[in-house]
Amino acid sequence: MQKLDTNQDIDTPEGISISLSPVGPIVRAQAWMIDNLIFFGAMTLVGTITSLFGSFGMGIYYIALFFLYWFYPVCFEVLFNGSTPGKKAMNIRVLHIDGTPVGWAASINRNLLRTVDFLPLFYAVGFISMLLNNRFQRLGDIVAGTMVVYNPNQIVLPEIAEATAVAPPYPLVAEEQRAILNFAERLDNLSSERSDELASLTGPLVQESNSPGQQLLGIANWINGRRT
């Protein structure tokens, strides 16, 4: 499926710049249909089993129907990286608009409002809402502060020497992070004196360290995702 040029560039609080591609209504509808097939399959199985227990079984069936209808998408979105089985099949996921993983409150809010988005039939309100904003947000997404995006391509992290991760003393913008990672990638080709000399140019990042080169390597490890 061809993506429209609607990329959202977001700067995270840690200073990392990411680009997200919102998902249009056609792909989202395909994911919705897959999830509904799974939902109806599960309810058919539950109905077959509970029918063996008469009126008591019918009560269990309606309780199961309630919980599956409302919590199937919520639990999958929160516990499985923003993706229900249908979304996973289409390689898409739900995130907060700042690029962070969706939480319980946001997922519950966006899914509670599915009933409004469905009005008057076949998600007409939600479809119109998606066409009116460049994030393709239905009303539930707007209220919850979420959007559905394509999973990014796997990111290949630069190979750098392992060291104890050190958190930078202040948030770094993307260009600063890239410069530090470039330094760490070249560290094996630098003498300790030269690495300390170059690292000292970063000023406040290493000013309290007796070994600026190793301090900057520790920050590079932190940027690269090592937190221990």
C-alpha atoms as a PDB file:
ATOM      1  CA  MET A   1       0.000   0.000   0.000  1.00  0.00           C
ATOM      2  CA  GLN A   2       1.428   3.359  -1.061  1.00  0.00           C
ATOM      3  CA  LYS A   3       1.897   5.828   1.773  1.00  0.00           C
ATOM      4  CA  LEU A   4       0.849   9.440   1.311  1.00  0.00           C
ATOM      5  CA  ASP A   5       3.453  12.123   2.006  1.00  0.00           C
ATOM      6  CA  THR A   6       2.071  13.069   5.421  1.00  0.00           C
ATOM      7  CA  ASN A   7       5.086  12.286   7.587  1.00  0.00           C
ATOM      8  CA  GLN A   8       5.047  13.847  11.044  1.00  0.00           C
ATOM      9  CA  ASP A   9       8.461  14.929  12.332  1.00  0.00           C
ATOM     10  CA  ILE A  10       8.564  14.848  16.136  1.00  0.00           C
ATOM     11  CA  ASP A  11      11.268  15.903  18.604  1.00  0.00           C
ATOM     12  CA  THR A  12      11.097  13.791  21.757  1.00  0.00           C
ATOM     13  CA  PRO A  13      11.940  15.220  25.206  1.00  0.00           C
ATOM     14  CA  GLU A  14      15.308  13.429  24.983  1.00  0.00           C
ATOM     15  CA  GLY A  15      16.162  15.453  21.880  1.00  0.00           C
ATOM     16  CA  ILE A  16      15.659  12.589  19.431  1.00  0.00           C
ATOM     17  CA  SER A  17      14.048  13.504  16.117  1.00  0.00           C
ATOM     18  CA  ILE A  18      11.723  10.824  14.687  1.00  0.00           C
ATOM     19  CA  SER A  19       9.546  10.716  11.596  1.00  0.00           C
ATOM     20  CA  LEU A  20       6.162   8.976  11.759  1.00  0.00           C
ATOM     21  CA  SER A  21       3.878   8.074   8.846  1.00  0.00           C
ATOM     22  CA  PRO A  22       0.165   8.278   9.760  1.00  0.00           C
ATOM     23  CA  VAL A  23      -2.049   5.529   8.346  1.00  0.00           C
ATOM     24  CA  GLY A  24      -4.968   6.372   6.048  1.00  0.00           C
ATOM     25  CA  PRO A  25      -8.517   4.999   6.268  1.00  0.00           C
ATOM     26  CA  ILE A  26      -8.110   2.145   3.752  1.00  0.00           C
ATOM     27  CA  VAL A  27      -5.315   0.359   5.623  1.00  0.00           C
ATOM     28  CA  ARG A  28      -7.026   1.020   8.952  1.00  0.00           C
ATOM     29  CA  ALA A  29     -10.250  -0.472   7.570  1.00  0.00           C
ATOM     30  CA  GLN A  30      -8.349  -3.601   6.542  1.00  0.00           C
ATOM     31  CA  ALA A  31      -6.911  -3.949  10.045  1.00  0.00           C
ATOM     32  CA  TRP A  32     -10.402  -3.408  11.504  1.00  0.00           C
ATOM     33  CA  MET A  33     -11.851  -6.178   9.334  1.00  0.00           C
ATOM     34  CA  ILE A  34      -9.137  -8.624  10.447  1.00  0.00           C
ATOM     35  CA  ASP A  35      -9.807  -7.791  14.091  1.00  0.00           C
ATOM     36  CA  ASN A  36     -13.540  -8.244  13.585  1.00  0.00           C
ATOM     37  CA  LEU A  37     -13.038 -11.661  12.018  1.00  0.00           C
ATOM     38  CA  ILE A  38     -11.015 -12.663  15.085  1.00  0.00           C
ATOM     39  CA  PHE A  39     -13.643 -11.142  17.404  1.00  0.00           C
ATOM     40  CA  PHE A  40     -16.560 -12.966  15.766  1.00  0.00           C
ATOM     41  CA  GLY A  41     -14.572 -16.186  15.671  1.00  0.00           C
ATOM     42  CA  ALA A  42     -13.840 -15.903  19.400  1.00  0.00           C
ATOM     43  CA  MET A  43     -17.484 -15.126  20.209  1.00  0.00           C
ATOM     44  CA  THR A  44     -18.681 -18.067  18.116  1.00  0.00           C
ATOM     45  CA  LEU A  45     -16.395 -20.365  20.092  1.00  0.00           C
ATOM     46  CA  VAL A  46     -17.529 -18.877  23.427  1.00  0.00           C
ATOM     47  CA  GLY A  47     -21.174 -19.112  22.337  1.00  0.00           C
ATOM     48  CA  THR A  48     -20.807 -22.760  21.386  1.00  0.00           C
ATOM     49  CA  ILE A  49     -19.334 -23.624  24.785  1.00  0.00           C
ATOM     50  CA  THR A  50     -21.727 -21.535  26.918  1.00  0.00           C
ATOM     51  CA  SER A  51     -24.791 -22.843  25.061  1.00  0.00           C
ATOM     52  CA  LEU A  52     -24.191 -26.142  26.846  1.00  0.00           C
ATOM     53  CA  PHE A  53     -25.089 -24.507  30.184  1.00  0.00           C
ATOM     54  CA  GLY A  54     -28.533 -23.114  29.397  1.00  0.00           C
ATOM     55  CA  SER A  55     -29.559 -19.721  30.814  1.00  0.00           C
ATOM     56  CA  PHE A  56     -26.483 -19.602  33.055  1.00  0.00           C
ATOM     57  CA  GLY A  57     -24.333 -20.078  29.978  1.00  0.00           C
ATOM     58  CA  MET A  58     -26.125 -17.212  28.217  1.00  0.00           C
ATOM     59  CA  GLY A  59     -25.251 -14.926  31.111  1.00  0.00           C
ATOM     60  CA  ILE A  60     -21.597 -15.917  30.821  1.00  0.00           C
ATOM     61  CA  TYR A  61     -21.798 -15.350  27.062  1.00  0.00           C
ATOM     62  CA  TYR A  62     -23.025 -11.748  27.426  1.00  0.00           C
ATOM     63  CA  ILE A  63     -20.387 -10.983  30.036  1.00  0.00           C
ATOM     64  CA  ALA A  64     -17.711 -12.372  27.707  1.00  0.00           C
ATOM     65  CA  LEU A  65     -19.185 -10.369  24.823  1.00  0.00           C
ATOM     66  CA  PHE A  66     -18.956  -7.150  26.853  1.00  0.00           C
ATOM     67  CA  PHE A  67     -15.349  -7.683  27.890  1.00  0.00           C
ATOM     68  CA  LEU A  68     -14.163  -8.847  24.466  1.00  0.00           C
ATOM     69  CA  TYR A  69     -15.846  -5.947  22.672  1.00  0.00           C
ATOM     70  CA  TRP A  70     -14.430  -3.246  24.923  1.00  0.00           C
ATOM     71  CA  PHE A  71     -11.123  -4.659  26.138  1.00  0.00           C
ATOM     72  CA  TYR A  72      -9.891  -6.701  23.163  1.00  0.00           C
ATOM     73  CA  PRO A  73      -8.428  -3.605  21.424  1.00  0.00           C
ATOM     74  CA  VAL A  74      -7.354  -1.886  24.641  1.00  0.00           C
ATOM     75  CA  CYS A  75      -5.362  -4.821  26.032  1.00  0.00           C
ATOM     76  CA  PHE A  76      -3.645  -5.531  22.742  1.00  0.00           C
ATOM     77  CA  GLU A  77      -2.773  -1.869  22.128  1.00  0.00           C
ATOM     78  CA  VAL A  78      -1.267  -1.361  25.581  1.00  0.00           C
ATOM     79  CA  LEU A  79       0.361  -4.748  26.138  1.00  0.00           C
ATOM     80  CA  PHE A  80       1.519  -5.530  22.584  1.00  0.00           C
ATOM     81  CA  ASN A  81       3.317  -2.411  21.420  1.00  0.00           C
ATOM     82  CA  GLY A  82       0.249  -0.554  20.156  1.00  0.00           C
ATOM     83  CA  SER A  83      -0.959  -3.287  17.808  1.00  0.00           C
ATOM     84  CA  THR A  84      -4.033  -5.490  17.802  1.00  0.00           C
ATOM     85  CA  PRO A  85      -3.666  -8.637  15.649  1.00  0.00           C
ATOM     86  CA  GLY A  86      -5.267  -6.756  12.736  1.00  0.00           C
ATOM     87  CA  LYS A  87      -2.895  -3.819  13.102  1.00  0.00           C
ATOM     88  CA  LYS A  88       0.068  -6.152  13.430  1.00  0.00           C
ATOM     89  CA  ALA A  89      -0.964  -7.904  10.201  1.00  0.00           C
ATOM     90  CA  MET A  90      -0.996  -4.516   8.442  1.00  0.00           C
ATOM     91  CA  ASN A  91       2.297  -3.439  10.111  1.00  0.00           C
ATOM     92  CA  ILE A  92       0.734  -0.462  11.888  1.00  0.00           C
ATOM     93  CA  ARG A  93       0.422   0.626  15.532  1.00  0.00           C
ATOM     94  CA  VAL A  94      -1.127   3.211  17.849  1.00  0.00           C
ATOM     95  CA  LEU A  95       1.081   5.855  19.480  1.00  0.00           C
ATOM     96  CA  HIS A  96       0.577   9.070  21.391  1.00  0.00           C
ATOM     97  CA  ILE A  97       1.010  12.063  19.082  1.00  0.00           C
ATOM     98  CA  ASP A  98       4.387  12.763  20.722  1.00  0.00           C
ATOM     99  CA  GLY A  99       5.610   9.353  19.537  1.00  0.00           C
ATOM    100  CA  THR A 100       5.493   7.627  22.938  1.00  0.00           C
ATOM    101  CA  PRO A 101       3.787   4.227  23.440  1.00  0.00           C
ATOM    102  CA  VAL A 102       0.041   4.389  24.012  1.00  0.00           C
ATOM    103  CA  GLY A 103      -1.069   4.024  27.642  1.00  0.00           C
ATOM    104  CA  TRP A 104      -4.176   2.650  29.319  1.00  0.00           C
ATOM    105  CA  ALA A 105      -6.057   5.957  29.628  1.00  0.00           C
ATOM    106  CA  ALA A 106      -5.486   6.970  26.007  1.00  0.00           C
ATOM    107  CA  SER A 107      -6.357   3.531  24.645  1.00  0.00           C
ATOM    108  CA  ILE A 108      -9.544   3.324  26.715  1.00  0.00           C
ATOM    109  CA  ASN A 109     -10.622   6.815  25.604  1.00  0.00           C
ATOM    110  CA  ARG A 110     -10.010   6.196  21.899  1.00  0.00           C
ATOM    111  CA  ASN A 111     -11.859   2.880  21.980  1.00  0.00           C
ATOM    112  CA  LEU A 112     -14.814   4.146  24.035  1.00  0.00           C
ATOM    113  CA  LEU A 113     -15.405   6.711  21.288  1.00  0.00           C
ATOM    114  CA  ARG A 114     -15.603   4.041  18.577  1.00  0.00           C
ATOM    115  CA  THR A 115     -19.385   4.160  19.020  1.00  0.00           C
ATOM    116  CA  VAL A 116     -19.401   7.852  18.057  1.00  0.00           C
ATOM    117  CA  ASP A 117     -16.993   7.315  15.165  1.00  0.00           C
ATOM    118  CA  PHE A 118     -19.244   4.523  13.876  1.00  0.00           C
ATOM    119  CA  LEU A 119     -22.256   6.846  13.488  1.00  0.00           C
ATOM    120  CA  PRO A 120     -24.470   6.837  11.540  1.00  0.00           C
ATOM    121  CA  LEU A 121     -23.145   3.676   9.816  1.00  0.00           C
ATOM    122  CA  PHE A 122     -19.797   2.083   8.915  1.00  0.00           C
ATOM    123  CA  TYR A 123     -17.605   4.617  10.713  1.00  0.00           C
ATOM    124  CA  ALA A 124     -18.880   7.532   8.646  1.00  0.00           C
ATOM    125  CA  VAL A 125     -18.055  10.118  11.335  1.00  0.00           C
ATOM    126  CA  GLY A 126     -14.604   8.644  11.885  1.00  0.00           C
ATOM    127  CA  PHE A 127     -13.940   8.506   8.145  1.00  0.00           C
ATOM    128  CA  ILE A 128     -14.828  12.181   7.682  1.00  0.00           C
ATOM    129  CA  SER A 129     -12.713  13.109  10.699  1.00  0.00           C
ATOM    130  CA  MET A 130      -9.691  11.286   9.260  1.00  0.00           C
ATOM    131  CA  LEU A 131     -10.024  13.145   5.968  1.00  0.00           C
ATOM    132  CA  LEU A 132     -10.070  16.520   7.736  1.00  0.00           C
ATOM    133  CA  ASN A 133      -6.657  16.295   9.439  1.00  0.00           C
ATOM    134  CA  ASN A 134      -3.191  15.354   8.235  1.00  0.00           C
ATOM    135  CA  ARG A 135      -2.718  12.773  10.996  1.00  0.00           C
ATOM    136  CA  PHE A 136      -5.762  10.772   9.825  1.00  0.00           C
ATOM    137  CA  GLN A 137      -7.198  10.894  13.356  1.00  0.00           C
ATOM    138  CA  ARG A 138     -10.737   9.774  13.993  1.00  0.00           C
ATOM    139  CA  LEU A 139     -12.584  11.555  16.846  1.00  0.00           C
ATOM    140  CA  GLY A 140     -11.400   8.955  19.339  1.00  0.00           C
ATOM    141  CA  ASP A 141      -7.781   9.652  18.378  1.00  0.00           C
ATOM    142  CA  ILE A 142      -8.246  13.411  18.660  1.00  0.00           C
ATOM    143  CA  VAL A 143      -9.730  13.154  22.155  1.00  0.00           C
ATOM    144  CA  ALA A 144      -7.136  10.602  23.322  1.00  0.00           C
ATOM    145  CA  GLY A 145      -4.171  12.378  21.724  1.00  0.00           C
ATOM    146  CA  THR A 146      -3.213   9.344  19.647  1.00  0.00           C
ATOM    147  CA  MET A 147      -2.598   8.457  16.028  1.00  0.00           C
ATOM    148  CA  VAL A 148      -2.123   5.269  14.043  1.00  0.00           C
ATOM    149  CA  VAL A 149       1.212   5.056  12.230  1.00  0.00           C
ATOM    150  CA  TYR A 150       3.151   2.629  10.086  1.00  0.00           C
ATOM    151  CA  ASN A 151       5.795   0.683  11.978  1.00  0.00           C
ATOM    152  CA  PRO A 152       9.141   2.264  11.071  1.00  0.00           C
ATOM    153  CA  ASN A 153      11.729   0.210   9.256  1.00  0.00           C
ATOM    154  CA  GLN A 154      14.135  -1.540  11.581  1.00  0.00           C
ATOM    155  CA  ILE A 155      16.754   0.895  12.777  1.00  0.00           C
ATOM    156  CA  VAL A 156      20.345  -0.309  12.591  1.00  0.00           C
ATOM    157  CA  LEU A 157      22.238   1.136  15.524  1.00  0.00           C
ATOM    158  CA  PRO A 158      25.838   2.193  14.975  1.00  0.00           C
ATOM    159  CA  GLU A 159      28.487  -0.177  16.292  1.00  0.00           C
ATOM    160  CA  ILE A 160      30.371   1.410  19.155  1.00  0.00           C
ATOM    161  CA  ALA A 161      32.498   0.052  21.961  1.00  0.00           C
ATOM    162  CA  GLU A 162      30.526  -0.965  25.020  1.00  0.00           C
ATOM    163  CA  ALA A 163      30.931   1.175  28.123  1.00  0.00           C
ATOM    164  CA  THR A 164      28.914   2.077  31.196  1.00  0.00           C
ATOM    165  CA  ALA A 165      26.047   4.230  29.943  1.00  0.00           C
ATOM    166  CA  VAL A 166      26.062   7.828  31.157  1.00  0.00           C
ATOM    167  CA  ALA A 167      23.005  10.039  30.826  1.00  0.00           C
ATOM    168  CA  PRO A 168      23.815  13.474  29.364  1.00  0.00           C
ATOM    169  CA  PRO A 169      23.361  16.382  31.805  1.00  0.00           C
ATOM    170  CA  TYR A 170      20.801  18.020  29.483  1.00  0.00           C
ATOM    171  CA  PRO A 171      18.652  16.960  26.487  1.00  0.00           C
ATOM    172  CA  LEU A 172      20.562  16.651  23.225  1.00  0.00           C
ATOM    173  CA  VAL A 173      19.177  17.571  19.818  1.00  0.00           C
ATOM    174  CA  ALA A 174      19.471  15.070  16.980  1.00  0.00           C
ATOM    175  CA  GLU A 175      22.571  16.739  15.485  1.00  0.00           C
ATOM    176  CA  GLU A 176      24.409  16.598  18.826  1.00  0.00           C
ATOM    177  CA  GLN A 177      23.527  12.944  19.292  1.00  0.00           C
ATOM    178  CA  ARG A 178      24.707  12.095  15.783  1.00  0.00           C
ATOM    179  CA  ALA A 179      28.033  13.901  16.405  1.00  0.00           C
ATOM    180  CA  ILE A 180      28.601  11.980  19.655  1.00  0.00           C
ATOM    181  CA  LEU A 181      27.819   8.653  17.982  1.00  0.00           C
ATOM    182  CA  ASN A 182      30.211   9.520  15.139  1.00  0.00           C
ATOM    183  CA  PHE A 183      32.897  10.211  17.724  1.00  0.00           C
ATOM    184  CA  ALA A 184      32.246   6.853  19.427  1.00  0.00           C
ATOM    185  CA  GLU A 185      32.407   4.998  16.096  1.00  0.00           C
ATOM    186  CA  ARG A 186      35.865   6.473  15.397  1.00  0.00           C
ATOM    187  CA  LEU A 187      37.207   5.993  18.925  1.00  0.00           C
ATOM    188  CA  ASP A 188      39.172   2.820  18.100  1.00  0.00           C
ATOM    189  CA  ASN A 189      41.223   4.810  15.581  1.00  0.00           C
ATOM    190  CA  LEU A 190      42.095   7.594  18.031  1.00  0.00           C
ATOM    191  CA  SER A 191      44.775   7.733  20.694  1.00  0.00           C
ATOM    192  CA  SER A 192      43.540   8.356  24.236  1.00  0.00           C
ATOM    193  CA  GLU A 193      45.086  11.836  24.138  1.00  0.00           C
ATOM    194  CA  ARG A 194      43.362  12.707  20.862  1.00  0.00           C
ATOM    195  CA  SER A 195      40.022  11.291  22.018  1.00  0.00           C
ATOM    196  CA  ASP A 196      40.205  13.350  25.226  1.00  0.00           C
ATOM    197  CA  GLU A 197      41.105  16.435  23.197  1.00  0.00           C
ATOM    198  CA  LEU A 198      38.137  16.031  20.866  1.00  0.00           C
ATOM    199  CA  ALA A 199      35.744  15.135  23.666  1.00  0.00           C
ATOM    200  CA  SER A 200      36.769  18.257  25.597  1.00  0.00           C
ATOM    201  CA  LEU A 201      35.322  20.369  22.795  1.00  0.00           C
ATOM    202  CA  THR A 202      31.837  19.384  23.984  1.00  0.00           C
ATOM    203  CA  GLY A 203      32.339  21.502  27.097  1.00  0.00           C
ATOM    204  CA  PRO A 204      29.610  20.923  29.733  1.00  0.00           C
ATOM    205  CA  LEU A 205      29.119  17.301  28.701  1.00  0.00           C
ATOM    206  CA  VAL A 206      32.526  16.228  29.991  1.00  0.00           C
ATOM    207  CA  GLN A 207      33.815  19.146  32.055  1.00  0.00           C
ATOM    208  CA  GLU A 208      33.637  17.226  35.344  1.00  0.00           C
ATOM    209  CA  SER A 209      35.369  14.113  33.998  1.00  0.00           C
ATOM    210  CA  ASN A 210      39.039  13.190  34.285  1.00  0.00           C
ATOM    211  CA  SER A 211      38.674  11.122  31.095  1.00  0.00           C
ATOM    212  CA  PRO A 212      36.563  13.145  28.630  1.00  0.00           C
ATOM    213  CA  GLY A 213      36.857  10.550  25.867  1.00  0.00           C
ATOM    214  CA  GLN A 214      35.466   7.744  28.051  1.00  0.00           C
ATOM    215  CA  GLN A 215      32.788  10.064  29.434  1.00  0.00           C
ATOM    216  CA  LEU A 216      31.602  10.872  25.922  1.00  0.00           C
ATOM    217  CA  LEU A 217      31.708   7.164  25.025  1.00  0.00           C
ATOM    218  CA  GLY A 218      29.422   6.509  28.004  1.00  0.00           C
ATOM    219  CA  ILE A 219      26.986   9.142  26.717  1.00  0.00           C
ATOM    220  CA  ALA A 220      27.132   7.533  23.262  1.00  0.00           C
ATOM    221  CA  ASN A 221      26.171   4.199  24.829  1.00  0.00           C
ATOM    222  CA  TRP A 222      23.233   5.892  26.564  1.00  0.00           C
ATOM    223  CA  ILE A 223      22.082   7.400  23.242  1.00  0.00           C
ATOM    224  CA  ASN A 224      22.445   3.988  21.624  1.00  0.00           C
ATOM    225  CA  GLY A 225      19.931   2.514  24.051  1.00  0.00           C
ATOM    226  CA  ARG A 226      22.145   0.986  26.706  1.00  0.00           C
ATOM    227  CA  ARG A 227      20.857   1.990  30.124  1.00  0.00           C
ATOM    228  CA  THR A 228      22.921  -0.254  32.402  1.00  0.00           C
END
